[in-house]
Amino acid sequence: MRDSYPEFQKRGAEILAVGPDSLKPFQNYWEKEKIPYTGLPDPTHRVARLYRQEVNLFKLGRMPMNAIVDRDGYIRYVHYSSNMADIPDNEVFLNVLDKLSAG
């Protein structure tokens, strides 16, 4: 998503990434990778539980979850991944945003 961030911005979308690390490791990763959008550390899984993101210790922690939430707070699209490789490419999200803005 980092490399396509300008495309998300063109569509009026903002990205918020929620991760399982505590603050300092999260900040270090964000700075090292030069991620331009907002990141939220969630080591207690509080936000993950709100959005029903799976936490599975046998699969090494959180399963990726991607959601598009509109300005009113409604989830308009969600993808719950079954493993770390099961993440839609950015075009999927950009197409959803285009359809939402068209209709």
Protein backbone atom coordinates (compact mmCIF):
# COMPACT_ATOMS: atom_id res chain seq x y z
CA MET A 1 0.00 0.00 0.00
CA ARG A 2 2.94 2.29 0.60
CA ASP A 3 3.81 2.52 -3.08
CA SER A 4 0.18 3.12 -4.13
CA TYR A 5 -0.55 5.62 -1.38
CA PRO A 6 -0.85 8.56 -3.84
CA GLU A 7 -3.55 6.63 -5.73
CA PHE A 8 -5.52 6.19 -2.51
CA GLN A 9 -5.15 9.90 -1.75
CA LYS A 10 -6.41 10.83 -5.23
CA ARG A 11 -9.59 8.96 -4.37
CA GLY A 12 -9.99 10.81 -1.08
CA ALA A 13 -9.07 7.72 0.93
CA GLU A 14 -6.82 7.53 3.94
CA ILE A 15 -4.96 4.42 5.09
CA LEU A 16 -4.70 3.40 8.71
CA ALA A 17 -2.62 0.34 9.48
CA VAL A 18 -3.11 -1.35 12.82
CA GLY A 19 -0.35 -3.63 14.02
CA PRO A 20 0.24 -5.94 16.97
CA ASP A 21 3.53 -4.43 18.12
CA SER A 22 4.08 -2.10 21.03
CA LEU A 23 4.81 1.56 20.35
CA LYS A 24 8.62 1.61 20.00
CA PRO A 25 9.01 -1.40 17.65
CA PHE A 26 6.05 -0.11 15.65
CA GLN A 27 7.61 3.36 15.31
CA ASN A 28 10.98 1.86 14.38
CA TYR A 29 9.41 -0.22 11.60
CA TRP A 30 7.40 2.75 10.29
CA GLU A 31 10.48 4.94 10.14
CA LYS A 32 12.72 2.24 8.64
CA GLU A 33 10.23 1.42 5.88
CA LYS A 34 9.30 5.11 5.31
CA ILE A 35 5.59 4.36 5.43
CA PRO A 36 3.68 7.56 4.56
CA TYR A 37 0.32 6.76 6.14
CA THR A 38 -0.81 6.47 9.73
CA GLY A 39 0.04 3.45 11.83
CA LEU A 40 -1.56 2.46 15.10
CA PRO A 41 0.14 0.04 17.49
CA ASP A 42 -2.36 -2.36 19.05
CA PRO A 43 -0.41 -4.74 21.29
CA THR A 44 -3.47 -5.58 23.42
CA HIS A 45 -5.51 -6.45 20.28
CA ARG A 46 -8.27 -4.07 21.36
CA VAL A 47 -8.80 -2.65 17.85
CA ALA A 48 -8.37 -6.10 16.31
CA ARG A 49 -11.24 -7.41 18.44
CA LEU A 50 -13.48 -4.47 17.49
CA TYR A 51 -13.14 -5.40 13.81
CA ARG A 52 -13.16 -9.15 14.47
CA GLN A 53 -9.64 -9.64 13.19
CA GLU A 54 -8.49 -13.18 13.85
CA VAL A 55 -5.64 -13.63 16.31
CA ASN A 56 -4.28 -17.16 15.98
CA LEU A 57 -1.13 -18.08 17.86
CA PHE A 58 -0.75 -21.27 15.81
CA LYS A 59 -0.45 -19.06 12.70
CA LEU A 60 2.03 -16.71 14.41
CA GLY A 61 -0.41 -14.01 15.51
CA ARG A 62 -2.89 -11.85 13.66
CA MET A 63 -4.30 -12.82 10.33
CA PRO A 64 -4.30 -9.86 7.94
CA MET A 65 -7.57 -8.00 7.65
CA ASN A 66 -8.27 -5.19 5.23
CA ALA A 67 -11.35 -3.00 5.39
CA ILE A 68 -12.69 0.09 3.71
CA VAL A 69 -14.61 2.21 6.19
CA ASP A 70 -16.61 5.17 4.93
CA ARG A 71 -16.68 8.63 6.49
CA ASP A 72 -19.70 7.65 8.59
CA GLY A 73 -17.85 4.70 10.10
CA TYR A 74 -19.57 1.95 8.10
CA ILE A 75 -17.50 -0.92 6.78
CA ARG A 76 -18.04 -0.96 3.01
CA TYR A 77 -15.59 -3.73 2.15
CA VAL A 78 -13.70 -6.26 4.24
CA HIS A 79 -11.27 -9.05 3.47
CA TYR A 80 -10.30 -11.47 6.23
CA SER A 81 -7.14 -13.31 5.18
CA SER A 82 -6.55 -16.94 5.98
CA ASN A 83 -2.76 -16.53 6.01
CA MET A 84 -0.06 -13.91 5.50
CA ALA A 85 0.02 -14.46 1.71
CA ASP A 86 -3.74 -14.02 1.33
CA ILE A 87 -3.84 -10.24 0.93
CA PRO A 88 -5.60 -8.64 -2.07
CA ASP A 89 -3.49 -6.40 -4.25
CA ASN A 90 -3.99 -2.65 -4.17
CA GLU A 91 -6.05 -2.67 -7.38
CA VAL A 92 -8.83 -4.51 -5.53
CA PHE A 93 -9.09 -1.72 -2.97
CA LEU A 94 -8.77 1.03 -5.56
CA ASN A 95 -11.55 -0.56 -7.63
CA VAL A 96 -13.81 -0.77 -4.56
CA LEU A 97 -13.16 2.92 -3.86
CA ASP A 98 -13.97 3.79 -7.47
CA LYS A 99 -17.24 1.85 -7.31
CA LEU A 100 -18.21 3.46 -4.01
CA SER A 101 -17.57 6.95 -5.35
CA ALA A 102 -19.51 6.19 -8.56
CA GLY A 103 -22.56 4.79 -6.89
